Amino acid sequence: MTTAGSGRPARKPARVRPYSLTGGRTRSGHVLLVETFVAALEAPDGRLDLAPSGLNTRMLPEIRAIIELCSRMRSVAEVSAMLKIPLGVVRVLLSDLADQGKIRVYGTGRGPGQPERALLERVLSGLRRL
């Protein structure tokens, strides 16, 4: 299937629209910059969890994927790029997970000076994977 006149394949529509993952919310309660690090506090267990609507239900696959990916410390940008979920959506979902005690949000490690070289290299590596 190609788009009219472009010769490129048409992009498949997403199974779930990003705004439905966040219940239409675009703001988060935590300051999550692209270089902010997050890590899961526990592995997903498939039991009851909070959905974006706030009702108890099965854990969304995107939430499970975020928790699994964050089994080691990752930046917000890495989570977004690796899961191919828009950055704004990832910020809201990560904020929800932090509120639920599923992940920990770490500072960027920046002091009054410049960012650490290791941080810049990780961000650059994540951007290259895009």
N, C-alpha and C. Protein backbone atom coordinates (compact mmCIF):
# COMPACT_ATOMS: atom_id res chain seq x y z
N MET A 1 0.84 -1.16 0.00
CA MET A 1 0.00 0.00 0.00
C MET A 1 0.90 1.24 0.00
N THR A 2 0.69 2.17 -0.90
CA THR A 2 1.49 3.37 -0.97
C THR A 2 0.61 4.60 -0.86
N THR A 3 1.23 5.69 -0.46
CA THR A 3 0.49 6.93 -0.39
C THR A 3 0.39 7.51 -1.79
N ALA A 4 -0.63 8.29 -2.04
CA ALA A 4 -0.90 8.82 -3.37
C ALA A 4 0.27 9.66 -3.87
N GLY A 5 0.90 9.20 -4.95
CA GLY A 5 1.93 9.96 -5.62
C GLY A 5 3.30 9.97 -4.97
N SER A 6 3.46 9.46 -3.78
CA SER A 6 4.76 9.55 -3.12
C SER A 6 5.62 8.33 -3.38
N GLY A 7 5.02 7.19 -3.69
CA GLY A 7 5.79 5.96 -3.91
C GLY A 7 6.29 5.33 -2.63
N ARG A 8 6.03 5.98 -1.49
CA ARG A 8 6.43 5.42 -0.21
C ARG A 8 5.29 4.62 0.38
N PRO A 9 5.63 3.61 1.17
CA PRO A 9 4.56 2.84 1.80
C PRO A 9 3.80 3.71 2.80
N ALA A 10 2.49 3.49 2.84
CA ALA A 10 1.66 4.22 3.79
C ALA A 10 1.97 3.72 5.19
N ARG A 11 1.97 4.63 6.12
CA ARG A 11 2.27 4.28 7.51
C ARG A 11 1.03 3.67 8.13
N LYS A 12 1.23 2.54 8.84
CA LYS A 12 0.11 1.91 9.53
C LYS A 12 -0.33 2.79 10.69
N PRO A 13 -1.63 2.95 10.88
CA PRO A 13 -2.08 3.74 12.03
C PRO A 13 -1.77 3.00 13.33
N ALA A 14 -1.49 3.76 14.36
CA ALA A 14 -1.20 3.17 15.67
C ALA A 14 -2.43 2.42 16.16
N ARG A 15 -2.19 1.32 16.87
CA ARG A 15 -3.31 0.55 17.42
C ARG A 15 -4.07 1.37 18.45
N VAL A 16 -3.34 2.09 19.28
CA VAL A 16 -3.95 2.91 20.31
C VAL A 16 -3.41 4.33 20.14
N ARG A 17 -4.29 5.28 20.06
CA ARG A 17 -3.87 6.67 19.94
C ARG A 17 -3.14 7.09 21.22
N PRO A 18 -2.05 7.85 21.09
CA PRO A 18 -1.27 8.24 22.28
C PRO A 18 -2.10 8.91 23.37
N TYR A 19 -3.05 9.77 22.99
CA TYR A 19 -3.82 10.47 24.02
C TYR A 19 -4.71 9.52 24.82
N SER A 20 -5.04 8.36 24.25
CA SER A 20 -5.86 7.42 25.00
C SER A 20 -5.04 6.73 26.09
N LEU A 21 -3.72 6.64 25.90
CA LEU A 21 -2.86 6.05 26.93
C LEU A 21 -2.79 6.92 28.17
N THR A 22 -2.95 8.22 27.98
CA THR A 22 -2.84 9.14 29.10
C THR A 22 -4.18 9.70 29.54
N GLY A 23 -5.26 9.20 28.96
CA GLY A 23 -6.58 9.72 29.30
C GLY A 23 -6.75 11.17 28.86
N GLY A 24 -6.01 11.57 27.84
CA GLY A 24 -6.09 12.93 27.33
C GLY A 24 -5.21 13.93 28.07
N ARG A 25 -4.53 13.47 29.11
CA ARG A 25 -3.67 14.38 29.88
C ARG A 25 -2.38 14.66 29.13
N THR A 26 -1.89 15.89 29.25
CA THR A 26 -0.63 16.26 28.62
C THR A 26 0.39 16.75 29.63
N ARG A 27 -0.02 16.95 30.84
CA ARG A 27 0.90 17.43 31.88
C ARG A 27 1.14 16.34 32.91
N SER A 28 2.33 16.39 33.49
CA SER A 28 2.67 15.40 34.51
C SER A 28 3.00 16.10 35.81
N GLY A 29 2.93 15.37 36.89
CA GLY A 29 3.21 15.93 38.20
C GLY A 29 4.68 16.03 38.53
N HIS A 30 5.52 15.37 37.75
CA HIS A 30 6.97 15.38 37.98
C HIS A 30 7.65 16.14 36.86
N VAL A 31 8.77 16.78 37.17
CA VAL A 31 9.57 17.43 36.14
C VAL A 31 10.43 16.35 35.50
N LEU A 32 10.08 16.01 34.27
CA LEU A 32 10.79 14.95 33.56
C LEU A 32 11.39 15.52 32.28
N LEU A 33 12.63 15.95 32.36
CA LEU A 33 13.36 16.43 31.20
C LEU A 33 13.80 15.23 30.37
N VAL A 34 14.21 15.46 29.14
CA VAL A 34 14.63 14.34 28.29
C VAL A 34 15.81 13.60 28.90
N GLU A 35 16.64 14.30 29.67
CA GLU A 35 17.82 13.66 30.25
C GLU A 35 17.60 13.14 31.66
N THR A 36 16.40 13.28 32.20
CA THR A 36 16.09 12.77 33.54
C THR A 36 16.14 11.24 33.53
N PHE A 37 16.76 10.68 34.55
CA PHE A 37 16.87 9.22 34.65
C PHE A 37 15.73 8.65 35.49
N VAL A 38 15.26 7.48 35.09
CA VAL A 38 14.23 6.75 35.82
C VAL A 38 14.64 5.28 35.90
N ALA A 39 14.16 4.61 36.92
CA ALA A 39 14.42 3.17 37.07
C ALA A 39 13.26 2.53 37.81
N ALA A 40 12.92 1.31 37.40
CA ALA A 40 11.83 0.57 38.03
C ALA A 40 12.25 0.12 39.42
N LEU A 41 11.31 0.14 40.34
CA LEU A 41 11.56 -0.32 41.69
C LEU A 41 11.25 -1.80 41.85
N GLU A 42 10.41 -2.33 40.95
CA GLU A 42 10.05 -3.74 41.00
C GLU A 42 9.66 -4.20 39.61
N ALA A 43 9.73 -5.49 39.37
CA ALA A 43 9.34 -6.03 38.07
C ALA A 43 7.82 -6.07 37.98
N PRO A 44 7.26 -5.91 36.77
CA PRO A 44 5.81 -5.99 36.63
C PRO A 44 5.32 -7.39 36.95
N ASP A 45 4.20 -7.46 37.64
CA ASP A 45 3.70 -8.78 38.05
C ASP A 45 2.37 -9.13 37.40
N GLY A 46 1.80 -8.21 36.62
CA GLY A 46 0.56 -8.52 35.92
C GLY A 46 -0.68 -8.41 36.78
N ARG A 47 -0.52 -8.08 38.06
CA ARG A 47 -1.70 -7.93 38.92
C ARG A 47 -2.36 -6.59 38.68
N LEU A 48 -3.33 -6.28 39.48
CA LEU A 48 -4.08 -5.04 39.30
C LEU A 48 -3.17 -3.83 39.40
N ASP A 49 -3.49 -2.84 38.59
CA ASP A 49 -2.70 -1.63 38.53
C ASP A 49 -3.61 -0.48 38.15
N LEU A 50 -3.13 0.73 38.29
CA LEU A 50 -3.94 1.89 37.90
C LEU A 50 -3.80 2.13 36.42
N ALA A 51 -4.90 2.24 35.75
CA ALA A 51 -4.92 2.61 34.34
C ALA A 51 -4.98 4.13 34.27
N PRO A 52 -4.78 4.73 33.08
CA PRO A 52 -4.86 6.18 32.98
C PRO A 52 -6.18 6.75 33.48
N SER A 53 -7.25 5.99 33.37
CA SER A 53 -8.55 6.49 33.82
C SER A 53 -8.65 6.50 35.34
N GLY A 54 -7.69 5.84 36.01
CA GLY A 54 -7.71 5.80 37.46
C GLY A 54 -8.47 4.61 38.01
N LEU A 55 -9.03 3.77 37.15
CA LEU A 55 -9.77 2.60 37.59
C LEU A 55 -8.84 1.39 37.66
N ASN A 56 -9.10 0.50 38.60
CA ASN A 56 -8.31 -0.71 38.67
C ASN A 56 -8.63 -1.61 37.48
N THR A 57 -7.61 -2.06 36.81
CA THR A 57 -7.77 -2.91 35.64
C THR A 57 -6.43 -3.60 35.39
N ARG A 58 -6.35 -4.45 34.40
CA ARG A 58 -5.10 -5.10 34.06
C ARG A 58 -4.10 -4.06 33.60
N MET A 59 -2.82 -4.33 33.81
CA MET A 59 -1.77 -3.41 33.43
C MET A 59 -1.71 -3.27 31.90
N LEU A 60 -1.68 -2.06 31.41
CA LEU A 60 -1.57 -1.81 29.98
C LEU A 60 -0.24 -2.33 29.45
N PRO A 61 -0.20 -2.85 28.22
CA PRO A 61 1.06 -3.36 27.67
C PRO A 61 2.14 -2.29 27.62
N GLU A 62 1.77 -1.05 27.36
CA GLU A 62 2.76 0.03 27.31
C GLU A 62 3.36 0.28 28.69
N ILE A 63 2.53 0.19 29.72
CA ILE A 63 3.03 0.37 31.09
C ILE A 63 3.98 -0.76 31.45
N ARG A 64 3.59 -1.99 31.11
CA ARG A 64 4.44 -3.15 31.37
C ARG A 64 5.78 -3.00 30.64
N ALA A 65 5.74 -2.54 29.39
CA ALA A 65 6.96 -2.37 28.61
C ALA A 65 7.87 -1.31 29.23
N ILE A 66 7.29 -0.23 29.73
CA ILE A 66 8.08 0.82 30.37
C ILE A 66 8.76 0.26 31.62
N ILE A 67 8.02 -0.46 32.44
CA ILE A 67 8.60 -1.00 33.67
C ILE A 67 9.70 -2.00 33.36
N GLU A 68 9.47 -2.87 32.37
CA GLU A 68 10.50 -3.84 31.98
C GLU A 68 11.74 -3.13 31.45
N LEU A 69 11.56 -2.12 30.62
CA LEU A 69 12.68 -1.39 30.06
C LEU A 69 13.46 -0.66 31.15
N CYS A 70 12.75 -0.19 32.15
CA CYS A 70 13.39 0.56 33.23
C CYS A 70 13.94 -0.34 34.33
N SER A 71 14.07 -1.63 34.04
CA SER A 71 14.70 -2.51 35.03
C SER A 71 16.15 -2.08 35.26
N ARG A 72 16.70 -1.37 34.29
CA ARG A 72 17.97 -0.68 34.50
C ARG A 72 17.72 0.79 34.24
N MET A 73 18.52 1.64 34.83
CA MET A 73 18.31 3.07 34.74
C MET A 73 18.34 3.54 33.28
N ARG A 74 17.36 4.34 32.91
CA ARG A 74 17.24 4.88 31.55
C ARG A 74 16.86 6.35 31.63
N SER A 75 17.17 7.08 30.58
CA SER A 75 16.70 8.46 30.49
C SER A 75 15.29 8.45 29.90
N VAL A 76 14.58 9.53 30.13
CA VAL A 76 13.23 9.66 29.57
C VAL A 76 13.30 9.56 28.04
N ALA A 77 14.31 10.17 27.45
CA ALA A 77 14.48 10.13 25.98
C ALA A 77 14.69 8.70 25.50
N GLU A 78 15.48 7.91 26.24
CA GLU A 78 15.71 6.51 25.86
C GLU A 78 14.41 5.71 25.89
N VAL A 79 13.63 5.90 26.92
CA VAL A 79 12.36 5.17 27.04
C VAL A 79 11.47 5.50 25.86
N SER A 80 11.37 6.77 25.54
CA SER A 80 10.54 7.20 24.42
C SER A 80 11.03 6.61 23.10
N ALA A 81 12.33 6.69 22.87
CA ALA A 81 12.89 6.21 21.60
C ALA A 81 12.81 4.70 21.48
N MET A 82 13.12 3.99 22.54
CA MET A 82 13.15 2.53 22.48
C MET A 82 11.75 1.93 22.32
N LEU A 83 10.75 2.56 22.91
CA LEU A 83 9.39 2.04 22.82
C LEU A 83 8.58 2.69 21.70
N LYS A 84 9.18 3.68 21.05
CA LYS A 84 8.52 4.39 19.95
C LYS A 84 7.17 4.97 20.38
N ILE A 85 7.20 5.58 21.57
CA ILE A 85 6.03 6.26 22.12
C ILE A 85 6.41 7.74 22.21
N PRO A 86 5.52 8.66 21.81
CA PRO A 86 5.86 10.08 21.86
C PRO A 86 6.34 10.52 23.24
N LEU A 87 7.29 11.44 23.24
CA LEU A 87 7.92 11.90 24.48
C LEU A 87 6.92 12.42 25.49
N GLY A 88 5.94 13.20 25.06
CA GLY A 88 4.94 13.74 25.98
C GLY A 88 4.13 12.65 26.66
N VAL A 89 3.80 11.61 25.92
CA VAL A 89 3.05 10.48 26.47
C VAL A 89 3.91 9.74 27.49
N VAL A 90 5.17 9.52 27.16
CA VAL A 90 6.08 8.82 28.08
C VAL A 90 6.23 9.61 29.37
N ARG A 91 6.32 10.93 29.27
CA ARG A 91 6.44 11.75 30.48
C ARG A 91 5.23 11.56 31.40
N VAL A 92 4.04 11.57 30.83
CA VAL A 92 2.82 11.41 31.64
C VAL A 92 2.79 10.01 32.26
N LEU A 93 3.09 8.98 31.47
CA LEU A 93 3.06 7.61 31.99
C LEU A 93 4.12 7.40 33.07
N LEU A 94 5.33 7.94 32.86
CA LEU A 94 6.38 7.82 33.87
C LEU A 94 5.99 8.54 35.15
N SER A 95 5.36 9.70 35.02
CA SER A 95 4.91 10.44 36.20
C SER A 95 3.88 9.63 36.97
N ASP A 96 2.94 9.01 36.25
CA ASP A 96 1.94 8.15 36.90
C ASP A 96 2.61 7.00 37.64
N LEU A 97 3.60 6.38 36.98
CA LEU A 97 4.30 5.25 37.60
C LEU A 97 5.08 5.69 38.84
N ALA A 98 5.65 6.89 38.79
CA ALA A 98 6.36 7.42 39.96
C ALA A 98 5.38 7.66 41.11
N ASP A 99 4.20 8.20 40.80
CA ASP A 99 3.18 8.43 41.83
C ASP A 99 2.72 7.12 42.46
N GLN A 100 2.70 6.04 41.67
CA GLN A 100 2.28 4.72 42.15
C GLN A 100 3.40 3.97 42.88
N GLY A 101 4.61 4.53 42.86
CA GLY A 101 5.73 3.89 43.51
C GLY A 101 6.33 2.75 42.69
N LYS A 102 6.07 2.73 41.39
CA LYS A 102 6.61 1.67 40.52
C LYS A 102 7.99 2.02 39.97
N ILE A 103 8.26 3.33 39.82
CA ILE A 103 9.58 3.77 39.35
C ILE A 103 10.09 4.89 40.25
N ARG A 104 11.38 5.09 40.20
CA ARG A 104 12.01 6.20 40.92
C ARG A 104 12.55 7.16 39.88
N VAL A 105 12.34 8.45 40.12
CA VAL A 105 12.84 9.49 39.25
C VAL A 105 14.11 10.04 39.88
N TYR A 106 15.19 10.06 39.11
CA TYR A 106 16.48 10.56 39.58
C TYR A 106 16.76 11.89 38.92
N GLY A 107 17.54 12.70 39.58
CA GLY A 107 17.96 13.97 38.98
C GLY A 107 18.89 13.69 37.81
N THR A 108 19.21 14.72 37.11
CA THR A 108 20.07 14.56 35.94
C THR A 108 21.54 14.54 36.30
N GLY A 109 21.85 14.81 37.55
CA GLY A 109 23.25 14.80 37.95
C GLY A 109 23.94 16.11 37.64
N ARG A 110 23.18 17.08 37.17
CA ARG A 110 23.79 18.36 36.84
C ARG A 110 23.91 19.22 38.08
N GLY A 111 25.05 19.77 38.24
CA GLY A 111 25.27 20.73 39.31
C GLY A 111 25.27 22.12 38.70
N PRO A 112 25.97 23.03 39.33
CA PRO A 112 26.02 24.38 38.80
C PRO A 112 26.82 24.48 37.49
N GLY A 113 27.63 23.49 37.21
CA GLY A 113 28.45 23.52 35.99
C GLY A 113 27.77 22.83 34.82
N GLN A 114 28.57 22.29 33.92
CA GLN A 114 28.06 21.62 32.74
C GLN A 114 27.63 20.19 33.07
N PRO A 115 26.79 19.60 32.19
CA PRO A 115 26.39 18.20 32.41
C PRO A 115 27.61 17.28 32.29
N GLU A 116 27.52 16.13 32.96
CA GLU A 116 28.61 15.16 32.89
C GLU A 116 28.73 14.59 31.49
N ARG A 117 29.95 14.24 31.11
CA ARG A 117 30.21 13.69 29.78
C ARG A 117 29.45 12.38 29.55
N ALA A 118 29.38 11.54 30.56
CA ALA A 118 28.68 10.25 30.43
C ALA A 118 27.21 10.46 30.09
N LEU A 119 26.59 11.46 30.72
CA LEU A 119 25.18 11.77 30.43
C LEU A 119 25.03 12.22 28.98
N LEU A 120 25.89 13.11 28.54
CA LEU A 120 25.81 13.60 27.17
C LEU A 120 26.01 12.47 26.17
N GLU A 121 26.91 11.54 26.47
CA GLU A 121 27.15 10.42 25.57
C GLU A 121 25.93 9.50 25.50
N ARG A 122 25.26 9.29 26.63
CA ARG A 122 24.05 8.45 26.62
C ARG A 122 22.92 9.10 25.83
N VAL A 123 22.75 10.41 26.00
CA VAL A 123 21.72 11.11 25.25
C VAL A 123 22.03 11.06 23.76
N LEU A 124 23.29 11.29 23.39
CA LEU A 124 23.70 11.24 21.99
C LEU A 124 23.48 9.84 21.41
N SER A 125 23.82 8.83 22.18
CA SER A 125 23.61 7.45 21.73
C SER A 125 22.13 7.16 21.50
N GLY A 126 21.28 7.63 22.40
CA GLY A 126 19.84 7.45 22.25
C GLY A 126 19.29 8.17 21.03
N LEU A 127 19.80 9.37 20.79
CA LEU A 127 19.36 10.13 19.62
C LEU A 127 19.78 9.45 18.32
N ARG A 128 20.96 8.89 18.31
CA ARG A 128 21.43 8.18 17.11
C ARG A 128 20.57 6.98 16.79
N ARG A 129 20.02 6.33 17.84
CA ARG A 129 19.17 5.16 17.62
C ARG A 129 17.82 5.54 17.03
N LEU A 130 17.46 6.80 17.13
CA LEU A 130 16.19 7.25 16.55
C LEU A 130 16.28 7.13 15.07
